[in-house]
Amino acid sequence: MKNLGTYYGTTLLQEKDARNTNNKNKIELEYYRIKKHGFMLTKRKTFYGIAVVKKEYVEDKIKMEKNIINKITTSERKIVNIIEKLKKCKVTPVALEDVLTDLMKEPAFQGE
């Protein structure tokens, strides 16, 4: 798999976390911090984003999903706090955009 950025951590999605499913497969969620350089008002800035990868182990295969959101913030501290919250809440790739939209409305995650 292509380099997704700086590995931040992994969490397991347990059967109790997927209450409305009958999924008995092992599922790992991996979180990555993405760092890209760009310009904002003619100044060079570092932008941070997030990648979430879901690995589901089905018999002898691995089913993978991923979602990448670039340029969320220019604050490394903020992106680390966001990733920590995502990891704690076991956010999957499919839910990443909606959860991130809601998180950015919380006072703790507003501003740089």
Protein backbone atom coordinates (compact mmCIF):
# COMPACT_ATOMS: atom_id res chain seq x y z
CA MET A 1 0.00 0.00 0.00
CA LYS A 2 1.15 3.49 -0.83
CA ASN A 3 2.61 5.50 2.04
CA LEU A 4 -0.33 7.16 3.77
CA GLY A 5 1.66 9.40 6.07
CA THR A 6 2.85 9.06 9.65
CA TYR A 7 1.35 6.05 11.41
CA TYR A 8 -0.49 7.14 14.53
CA GLY A 9 -2.02 3.94 15.90
CA THR A 10 -4.33 0.96 15.54
CA THR A 11 -7.45 -0.06 17.37
CA LEU A 12 -9.53 -3.22 17.14
CA LEU A 13 -13.22 -3.08 16.36
CA GLN A 14 -14.80 -5.60 18.69
CA GLU A 15 -18.12 -7.38 18.16
CA LYS A 16 -19.69 -5.18 20.86
CA ASP A 17 -18.61 -2.08 18.88
CA ALA A 18 -20.64 -3.27 15.88
CA ARG A 19 -23.89 -3.78 17.78
CA ASN A 20 -26.19 -3.84 14.75
CA THR A 21 -24.21 -6.36 12.75
CA ASN A 22 -23.51 -10.07 12.96
CA ASN A 23 -19.89 -9.50 11.96
CA LYS A 24 -17.58 -11.94 13.71
CA ASN A 25 -14.47 -11.09 11.67
CA LYS A 26 -11.42 -9.41 13.16
CA ILE A 27 -11.36 -5.74 12.16
CA GLU A 28 -8.42 -3.37 12.66
CA LEU A 29 -8.63 0.39 12.22
CA GLU A 30 -5.37 2.23 11.47
CA TYR A 31 -4.95 6.00 11.77
CA TYR A 32 -2.39 8.14 9.94
CA ARG A 33 -1.40 11.81 10.06
CA ILE A 34 -0.85 13.31 6.64
CA LYS A 35 1.54 16.23 6.19
CA LYS A 36 1.65 18.29 2.99
CA HIS A 37 3.13 21.63 2.12
CA GLY A 38 1.31 24.34 0.25
CA PHE A 39 0.67 28.05 0.13
CA MET A 40 -1.85 30.21 1.94
CA LEU A 41 -1.91 33.87 0.93
CA THR A 42 1.55 33.54 -0.66
CA LYS A 43 3.06 32.08 2.53
CA ARG A 44 4.36 28.51 2.58
CA LYS A 45 2.38 26.48 5.13
CA THR A 46 2.27 22.92 6.37
CA PHE A 47 -1.18 21.36 6.18
CA TYR A 48 -2.25 18.28 8.13
CA GLY A 49 -4.84 15.68 7.23
CA ILE A 50 -5.99 12.23 8.26
CA ALA A 51 -6.18 8.77 6.71
CA VAL A 52 -8.19 5.91 8.22
CA VAL A 53 -7.72 2.35 6.98
CA LYS A 54 -10.04 -0.52 7.88
CA LYS A 55 -8.70 -4.08 7.56
CA GLU A 56 -11.23 -6.86 7.89
CA TYR A 57 -9.83 -10.38 8.11
CA VAL A 58 -12.20 -12.73 6.26
CA GLU A 59 -10.99 -16.32 6.19
CA ASP A 60 -7.67 -16.15 4.31
CA LYS A 61 -8.25 -12.69 2.80
CA ILE A 62 -8.00 -9.10 3.98
CA LYS A 63 -10.70 -6.70 2.86
CA MET A 64 -9.52 -3.11 3.01
CA GLU A 65 -11.22 0.28 2.97
CA LYS A 66 -9.61 3.67 3.36
CA ASN A 67 -10.56 7.30 3.45
CA ILE A 68 -8.17 10.23 3.24
CA ILE A 69 -8.94 13.84 4.05
CA ASN A 70 -6.17 16.32 3.28
CA LYS A 71 -5.63 19.87 4.49
CA ILE A 72 -7.83 19.86 7.59
CA THR A 73 -5.66 22.25 9.60
CA THR A 74 -2.25 23.89 9.80
CA SER A 75 -1.97 22.98 13.50
CA GLU A 76 -0.10 19.77 14.27
CA ARG A 77 -1.44 19.82 17.85
CA LYS A 78 -5.01 20.06 16.57
CA ILE A 79 -4.62 17.18 14.12
CA VAL A 80 -3.11 14.96 16.83
CA ASN A 81 -6.08 15.76 19.12
CA ILE A 82 -8.52 14.95 16.32
CA ILE A 83 -6.80 11.65 15.52
CA GLU A 84 -6.79 10.70 19.20
CA LYS A 85 -10.55 11.35 19.37
CA LEU A 86 -11.17 9.36 16.18
CA LYS A 87 -9.11 6.46 17.48
CA LYS A 88 -10.84 6.49 20.88
CA CYS A 89 -14.27 6.46 19.21
CA LYS A 90 -13.16 3.82 16.66
CA VAL A 91 -14.21 5.87 13.64
CA THR A 92 -14.23 3.89 10.39
CA PRO A 93 -13.32 5.20 6.93
CA VAL A 94 -16.97 5.42 5.88
CA ALA A 95 -17.86 7.60 8.90
CA LEU A 96 -14.75 9.79 8.82
CA GLU A 97 -16.16 12.77 6.90
CA ASP A 98 -19.38 13.01 8.94
CA VAL A 99 -17.59 12.63 12.27
CA LEU A 100 -14.93 15.16 11.28
CA THR A 101 -17.62 17.67 10.26
CA ASP A 102 -19.28 17.28 13.67
CA LEU A 103 -15.95 17.46 15.54
CA MET A 104 -15.00 20.71 13.84
CA LYS A 105 -18.16 22.29 15.31
CA GLU A 106 -17.04 21.51 18.89
CA PRO A 107 -15.34 24.45 20.67
CA ALA A 108 -12.31 22.29 21.54
CA PHE A 109 -11.54 21.78 17.85
CA GLN A 110 -12.32 25.25 16.48
CA GLY A 111 -9.60 27.69 15.59
CA GLU A 112 -5.98 26.87 14.95
